Structure formats: structure tokens, C-alpha cells
């Protein structure tokens, strides 16, 4: 249980760092599959492609660190 809490804490710290520096990463938010709809009084941005890439990266990292 302790090891899992440490890994989750590290993941939260990395997510915080990523969210504060997301504007400095050039490809994040501009990948193919990111949906941006802009109308007269409405704007929607759904980073589907970026979410998939981050999910794959995090899955690979967690599978590496959680091997027994």
C-alpha cells in the first residue's frame, strides 16, 4: 500500500508540473485528433489526441514501475 501511495504521489507531482508547463510544450494540444470547435459565442477544446498520447506514456511508465 505504501509503494502505491508513493507512485500515486509522484504521478500527481508530474501531472502538476505538466499542467503548469503545458503551454511550453509545443506539440501538446495541437496533435491530430484534438478537437477544437469555435462558434460565435461558444468555444470547445477537447484534446483527444493529446489525452491518448499521455495515457499511453503513463501506462508504459506505470507498467514498468509496477512490475513484480
PDB file of N, CA and C in Angstrom:
ATOM      1  N   UNK A   1       0.823  -1.190   0.000  1.00  0.00           N
ATOM      2  CA  UNK A   1       0.000   0.000   0.000  1.00  0.00           C
ATOM      3  C   UNK A   1       0.870   1.258   0.000  1.00  0.00           C
ATOM      4  N   UNK A   2       1.968   1.218   0.744  1.00  0.00           N
ATOM      5  CA  UNK A   2       2.859   2.369   0.803  1.00  0.00           C
ATOM      6  C   UNK A   2       3.507   2.677  -0.533  1.00  0.00           C
ATOM      7  N   UNK A   3       3.905   1.629  -1.225  1.00  0.00           N
ATOM      8  CA  UNK A   3       4.542   1.819  -2.536  1.00  0.00           C
ATOM      9  C   UNK A   3       3.568   2.424  -3.536  1.00  0.00           C
ATOM     10  N   UNK A   4       2.321   1.983  -3.473  1.00  0.00           N
ATOM     11  CA  UNK A   4       1.295   2.530  -4.363  1.00  0.00           C
ATOM     12  C   UNK A   4       1.056   4.003  -4.072  1.00  0.00           C
ATOM     13  N   UNK A   5       1.033   4.390  -2.807  1.00  0.00           N
ATOM     14  CA  UNK A   5       0.838   5.795  -2.444  1.00  0.00           C
ATOM     15  C   UNK A   5       2.007   6.658  -2.907  1.00  0.00           C
ATOM     16  N   UNK A   6       3.211   6.129  -2.828  1.00  0.00           N
ATOM     17  CA  UNK A   6       4.376   6.869  -3.307  1.00  0.00           C
ATOM     18  C   UNK A   6       4.287   7.072  -4.816  1.00  0.00           C
ATOM     19  N   UNK A   7       3.930   6.044  -5.545  1.00  0.00           N
ATOM     20  CA  UNK A   7       3.821   6.140  -7.004  1.00  0.00           C
ATOM     21  C   UNK A   7       2.705   7.110  -7.396  1.00  0.00           C
ATOM     22  N   UNK A   8       1.571   7.038  -6.692  1.00  0.00           N
ATOM     23  CA  UNK A   8       0.486   7.975  -6.974  1.00  0.00           C
ATOM     24  C   UNK A   8       0.898   9.411  -6.657  1.00  0.00           C
ATOM     25  N   UNK A   9       1.658   9.598  -5.598  1.00  0.00           N
ATOM     26  CA  UNK A   9       2.158  10.933  -5.264  1.00  0.00           C
ATOM     27  C   UNK A   9       3.086  11.473  -6.331  1.00  0.00           C
ATOM     28  N   UNK A  10       3.978  10.627  -6.810  1.00  0.00           N
ATOM     29  CA  UNK A  10       4.882  11.038  -7.887  1.00  0.00           C
ATOM     30  C   UNK A  10       4.092  11.359  -9.147  1.00  0.00           C
ATOM     31  N   UNK A  11       3.077  10.555  -9.449  1.00  0.00           N
ATOM     32  CA  UNK A  11       2.248  10.811 -10.626  1.00  0.00           C
ATOM     33  C   UNK A  11       1.505  12.140 -10.499  1.00  0.00           C
ATOM     34  N   UNK A  12       1.024  12.459  -9.300  1.00  0.00           N
ATOM     35  CA  UNK A  12       0.343  13.736  -9.094  1.00  0.00           C
ATOM     36  C   UNK A  12       1.302  14.918  -9.236  1.00  0.00           C
ATOM     37  N   UNK A  13       2.520  14.760  -8.742  1.00  0.00           N
ATOM     38  CA  UNK A  13       3.514  15.821  -8.892  1.00  0.00           C
ATOM     39  C   UNK A  13       3.838  16.026 -10.368  1.00  0.00           C
ATOM     40  N   UNK A  14       4.024  14.936 -11.099  1.00  0.00           N
ATOM     41  CA  UNK A  14       4.303  15.046 -12.534  1.00  0.00           C
ATOM     42  C   UNK A  14       3.136  15.667 -13.286  1.00  0.00           C
ATOM     43  N   UNK A  15       1.910  15.314 -12.905  1.00  0.00           N
ATOM     44  CA  UNK A  15       0.733  15.917 -13.537  1.00  0.00           C
ATOM     45  C   UNK A  15       0.673  17.410 -13.245  1.00  0.00           C
ATOM     46  N   UNK A  16       1.030  17.812 -12.031  1.00  0.00           N
ATOM     47  CA  UNK A  16       1.060  19.231 -11.693  1.00  0.00           C
ATOM     48  C   UNK A  16       2.109  19.984 -12.487  1.00  0.00           C
ATOM     49  N   UNK A  17       3.283  19.387 -12.621  1.00  0.00           N
ATOM     50  CA  UNK A  17       4.343  20.017 -13.414  1.00  0.00           C
ATOM     51  C   UNK A  17       3.925  20.122 -14.870  1.00  0.00           C
ATOM     52  N   UNK A  18       3.308  19.075 -15.372  1.00  0.00           N
ATOM     53  CA  UNK A  18       2.855  19.086 -16.764  1.00  0.00           C
ATOM     54  C   UNK A  18       1.779  20.137 -16.986  1.00  0.00           C
ATOM     55  N   UNK A  19       0.857  20.275 -16.054  1.00  0.00           N
ATOM     56  CA  UNK A  19      -0.224  21.247 -16.238  1.00  0.00           C
ATOM     57  C   UNK A  19       0.277  22.684 -16.151  1.00  0.00           C
ATOM     58  N   UNK A  20       1.311  22.939 -15.344  1.00  0.00           N
ATOM     59  CA  UNK A  20       1.834  24.301 -15.265  1.00  0.00           C
ATOM     60  C   UNK A  20       2.734  24.648 -16.443  1.00  0.00           C
ATOM     61  N   UNK A  21       3.356  23.648 -17.034  1.00  0.00           N
ATOM     62  CA  UNK A  21       4.246  23.918 -18.159  1.00  0.00           C
ATOM     63  C   UNK A  21       3.666  23.443 -19.485  1.00  0.00           C
ATOM     64  N   UNK A  22       2.372  23.218 -19.540  1.00  0.00           N
ATOM     65  CA  UNK A  22       1.760  22.687 -20.767  1.00  0.00           C
ATOM     66  C   UNK A  22       1.853  23.671 -21.924  1.00  0.00           C
ATOM     67  N   UNK A  23       1.860  24.965 -21.632  1.00  0.00           N
ATOM     68  CA  UNK A  23       1.979  25.952 -22.704  1.00  0.00           C
ATOM     69  C   UNK A  23       3.353  25.975 -23.339  1.00  0.00           C
ATOM     70  N   UNK A  24       4.342  25.458 -22.640  1.00  0.00           N
ATOM     71  CA  UNK A  24       5.717  25.464 -23.149  1.00  0.00           C
ATOM     72  C   UNK A  24       6.046  24.227 -23.974  1.00  0.00           C
ATOM     73  N   UNK A  25       5.193  23.210 -23.922  1.00  0.00           N
ATOM     74  CA  UNK A  25       5.392  22.002 -24.723  1.00  0.00           C
ATOM     75  C   UNK A  25       4.729  22.241 -26.074  1.00  0.00           C
ATOM     76  N   UNK A  26       5.501  22.304 -27.157  1.00  0.00           N
ATOM     77  CA  UNK A  26       4.947  22.765 -28.440  1.00  0.00           C
ATOM     78  C   UNK A  26       3.882  21.858 -29.054  1.00  0.00           C
ATOM     79  N   UNK A  27       3.978  20.553 -28.881  1.00  0.00           N
ATOM     80  CA  UNK A  27       3.047  19.663 -29.564  1.00  0.00           C
ATOM     81  C   UNK A  27       1.785  19.383 -28.758  1.00  0.00           C
ATOM     82  N   UNK A  28       1.798  19.645 -27.470  1.00  0.00           N
ATOM     83  CA  UNK A  28       0.667  19.323 -26.613  1.00  0.00           C
ATOM     84  C   UNK A  28      -0.515  20.235 -26.930  1.00  0.00           C
ATOM     85  N   UNK A  29      -1.624  19.637 -27.299  1.00  0.00           N
ATOM     86  CA  UNK A  29      -2.812  20.403 -27.655  1.00  0.00           C
ATOM     87  C   UNK A  29      -2.953  20.670 -29.134  1.00  0.00           C
ATOM     88  N   UNK A  30      -1.965  20.282 -29.907  1.00  0.00           N
ATOM     89  CA  UNK A  30      -2.020  20.504 -31.358  1.00  0.00           C
ATOM     90  C   UNK A  30      -1.819  19.212 -32.147  1.00  0.00           C
ATOM     91  N   UNK A  31      -2.069  18.101 -31.502  1.00  0.00           N
ATOM     92  CA  UNK A  31      -1.907  16.814 -32.168  1.00  0.00           C
ATOM     93  C   UNK A  31      -3.115  16.503 -33.045  1.00  0.00           C
ATOM     94  N   UNK A  32      -2.938  15.638 -34.052  1.00  0.00           N
ATOM     95  CA  UNK A  32      -4.099  15.192 -34.820  1.00  0.00           C
ATOM     96  C   UNK A  32      -5.066  14.464 -33.894  1.00  0.00           C
ATOM     97  N   UNK A  33      -6.310  14.793 -33.985  1.00  0.00           N
ATOM     98  CA  UNK A  33      -7.307  14.193 -33.114  1.00  0.00           C
ATOM     99  C   UNK A  33      -7.772  15.132 -32.021  1.00  0.00           C
ATOM    100  N   UNK A  34      -7.055  16.222 -31.792  1.00  0.00           N
ATOM    101  CA  UNK A  34      -7.508  17.231 -30.844  1.00  0.00           C
ATOM    102  C   UNK A  34      -8.643  18.019 -31.484  1.00  0.00           C
ATOM    103  N   UNK A  35      -9.754  18.115 -30.791  1.00  0.00           N
ATOM    104  CA  UNK A  35     -10.957  18.723 -31.349  1.00  0.00           C
ATOM    105  C   UNK A  35     -11.082  20.148 -30.828  1.00  0.00           C
ATOM    106  N   UNK A  36     -11.202  21.084 -31.736  1.00  0.00           N
ATOM    107  CA  UNK A  36     -11.396  22.485 -31.378  1.00  0.00           C
ATOM    108  C   UNK A  36     -12.554  23.028 -32.208  1.00  0.00           C
ATOM    109  N   UNK A  37     -13.641  23.354 -31.529  1.00  0.00           N
ATOM    110  CA  UNK A  37     -14.828  23.911 -32.183  1.00  0.00           C
ATOM    111  C   UNK A  37     -15.007  25.328 -31.679  1.00  0.00           C
ATOM    112  N   UNK A  38     -15.080  26.265 -32.618  1.00  0.00           N
ATOM    113  CA  UNK A  38     -15.248  27.653 -32.225  1.00  0.00           C
ATOM    114  C   UNK A  38     -16.408  28.249 -33.012  1.00  0.00           C
ATOM    115  N   UNK A  39     -17.380  28.729 -32.266  1.00  0.00           N
ATOM    116  CA  UNK A  39     -18.556  29.378 -32.851  1.00  0.00           C
ATOM    117  C   UNK A  39     -18.583  30.833 -32.386  1.00  0.00           C
ATOM    118  N   UNK A  40     -19.657  31.501 -32.688  1.00  0.00           N
ATOM    119  CA  UNK A  40     -19.788  32.914 -32.356  1.00  0.00           C
ATOM    120  C   UNK A  40     -19.666  33.157 -30.845  1.00  0.00           C
ATOM    121  N   UNK A  41     -20.453  32.478 -30.045  1.00  0.00           N
ATOM    122  CA  UNK A  41     -20.452  32.669 -28.595  1.00  0.00           C
ATOM    123  C   UNK A  41     -20.028  31.412 -27.840  1.00  0.00           C
ATOM    124  N   UNK A  42     -19.337  30.518 -28.498  1.00  0.00           N
ATOM    125  CA  UNK A  42     -19.036  29.226 -27.899  1.00  0.00           C
ATOM    126  C   UNK A  42     -17.694  28.719 -28.401  1.00  0.00           C
ATOM    127  N   UNK A  43     -16.907  28.184 -27.485  1.00  0.00           N
ATOM    128  CA  UNK A  43     -15.629  27.593 -27.857  1.00  0.00           C
ATOM    129  C   UNK A  43     -15.457  26.300 -27.074  1.00  0.00           C
ATOM    130  N   UNK A  44     -15.109  25.229 -27.768  1.00  0.00           N
ATOM    131  CA  UNK A  44     -14.910  23.925 -27.144  1.00  0.00           C
ATOM    132  C   UNK A  44     -13.569  23.374 -27.597  1.00  0.00           C
ATOM    133  N   UNK A  45     -12.772  22.970 -26.652  1.00  0.00           N
ATOM    134  CA  UNK A  45     -11.494  22.332 -26.947  1.00  0.00           C
ATOM    135  C   UNK A  45     -11.451  21.018 -26.209  1.00  0.00           C
ATOM    136  N   UNK A  46     -11.331  19.921 -26.947  1.00  0.00           N
ATOM    137  CA  UNK A  46     -11.262  18.591 -26.369  1.00  0.00           C
ATOM    138  C   UNK A  46     -10.000  17.921 -26.891  1.00  0.00           C
ATOM    139  N   UNK A  47      -8.955  17.813 -26.055  1.00  0.00           N
ATOM    140  CA  UNK A  47      -7.669  17.274 -26.513  1.00  0.00           C
ATOM    141  C   UNK A  47      -7.655  15.743 -26.544  1.00  0.00           C
ATOM    142  N   UNK A  48      -8.385  15.160 -27.457  1.00  0.00           N
ATOM    143  CA  UNK A  48      -8.490  13.714 -27.551  1.00  0.00           C
ATOM    144  C   UNK A  48      -7.156  13.064 -27.917  1.00  0.00           C
ATOM    145  N   UNK A  49      -6.490  13.575 -28.923  1.00  0.00           N
ATOM    146  CA  UNK A  49      -5.203  13.008 -29.346  1.00  0.00           C
ATOM    147  C   UNK A  49      -4.143  13.142 -28.271  1.00  0.00           C
ATOM    148  N   UNK A  50      -4.080  14.302 -27.631  1.00  0.00           N
ATOM    149  CA  UNK A  50      -3.110  14.517 -26.555  1.00  0.00           C
ATOM    150  C   UNK A  50      -3.407  13.605 -25.368  1.00  0.00           C
ATOM    151  N   UNK A  51      -4.685  13.401 -25.072  1.00  0.00           N
ATOM    152  CA  UNK A  51      -5.063  12.525 -23.956  1.00  0.00           C
ATOM    153  C   UNK A  51      -4.647  11.085 -24.223  1.00  0.00           C
ATOM    154  N   UNK A  52      -4.799  10.646 -25.446  1.00  0.00           N
ATOM    155  CA  UNK A  52      -4.406   9.276 -25.798  1.00  0.00           C
ATOM    156  C   UNK A  52      -2.894   9.103 -25.681  1.00  0.00           C
ATOM    157  N   UNK A  53      -2.137  10.081 -26.173  1.00  0.00           N
ATOM    158  CA  UNK A  53      -0.673  10.007 -26.088  1.00  0.00           C
ATOM    159  C   UNK A  53      -0.223   9.994 -24.629  1.00  0.00           C
ATOM    160  N   UNK A  54      -0.779  10.874 -23.800  1.00  0.00           N
ATOM    161  CA  UNK A  54      -0.417  10.902 -22.387  1.00  0.00           C
ATOM    162  C   UNK A  54      -0.819   9.618 -21.679  1.00  0.00           C
ATOM    163  N   UNK A  55      -1.958   9.053 -22.048  1.00  0.00           N
ATOM    164  CA  UNK A  55      -2.411   7.806 -21.449  1.00  0.00           C
ATOM    165  C   UNK A  55      -1.462   6.657 -21.776  1.00  0.00           C
ATOM    166  N   UNK A  56      -1.012   6.587 -23.006  1.00  0.00           N
ATOM    167  CA  UNK A  56      -0.072   5.531 -23.408  1.00  0.00           C
ATOM    168  C   UNK A  56       1.254   5.694 -22.670  1.00  0.00           C
ATOM    169  N   UNK A  57       1.745   6.923 -22.578  1.00  0.00           N
ATOM    170  CA  UNK A  57       3.009   7.169 -21.881  1.00  0.00           C
ATOM    171  C   UNK A  57       2.899   6.804 -20.411  1.00  0.00           C
ATOM    172  N   UNK A  58       1.817   7.230 -19.755  1.00  0.00           N
ATOM    173  CA  UNK A  58       1.634   6.907 -18.343  1.00  0.00           C
ATOM    174  C   UNK A  58       1.432   5.411 -18.123  1.00  0.00           C
ATOM    175  N   UNK A  59       0.732   4.751 -19.032  1.00  0.00           N
ATOM    176  CA  UNK A  59       0.542   3.301 -18.908  1.00  0.00           C
ATOM    177  C   UNK A  59       1.865   2.559 -19.013  1.00  0.00           C
ATOM    178  N   UNK A  60       2.713   2.983 -19.941  1.00  0.00           N
ATOM    179  CA  UNK A  60       4.026   2.352 -20.074  1.00  0.00           C
ATOM    180  C   UNK A  60       4.892   2.599 -18.843  1.00  0.00           C
ATOM    181  N   UNK A  61       4.861   3.816 -18.318  1.00  0.00           N
ATOM    182  CA  UNK A  61       5.650   4.119 -17.124  1.00  0.00           C
ATOM    183  C   UNK A  61       5.164   3.337 -15.920  1.00  0.00           C
ATOM    184  N   UNK A  62       3.855   3.274 -15.722  1.00  0.00           N
ATOM    185  CA  UNK A  62       3.317   2.545 -14.580  1.00  0.00           C
ATOM    186  C   UNK A  62       3.559   1.050 -14.710  1.00  0.00           C
ATOM    187  N   UNK A  63       3.436   0.502 -15.911  1.00  0.00           N
ATOM    188  CA  UNK A  63       3.695  -0.927 -16.071  1.00  0.00           C
ATOM    189  C   UNK A  63       5.165  -1.242 -15.815  1.00  0.00           C
ATOM    190  N   UNK A  64       6.043  -0.318 -16.143  1.00  0.00           N
ATOM    191  CA  UNK A  64       7.469  -0.506 -15.878  1.00  0.00           C
ATOM    192  C   UNK A  64       7.760  -0.478 -14.372  1.00  0.00           C
ATOM    193  N   UNK A  65       7.179   0.499 -13.676  1.00  0.00           N
ATOM    194  CA  UNK A  65       7.472   0.645 -12.253  1.00  0.00           C
ATOM    195  C   UNK A  65       6.696  -0.317 -11.367  1.00  0.00           C
ATOM    196  N   UNK A  66       5.588  -0.856 -11.833  1.00  0.00           N
ATOM    197  CA  UNK A  66       4.781  -1.732 -11.003  1.00  0.00           C
ATOM    198  C   UNK A  66       5.014  -3.227 -11.291  1.00  0.00           C
ATOM    199  N   UNK A  67       6.064  -3.530 -12.057  1.00  0.00           N
ATOM    200  CA  UNK A  67       6.382  -4.941 -12.310  1.00  0.00           C
ATOM    201  C   UNK A  67       6.786  -5.616 -11.016  1.00  0.00           C
ATOM    202  N   UNK A  68       6.435  -6.883 -10.915  1.00  0.00           N
ATOM    203  CA  UNK A  68       6.816  -7.639  -9.706  1.00  0.00           C
ATOM    204  C   UNK A  68       7.840  -8.673 -10.043  1.00  0.00           C
TER     205      UNK A  68
END
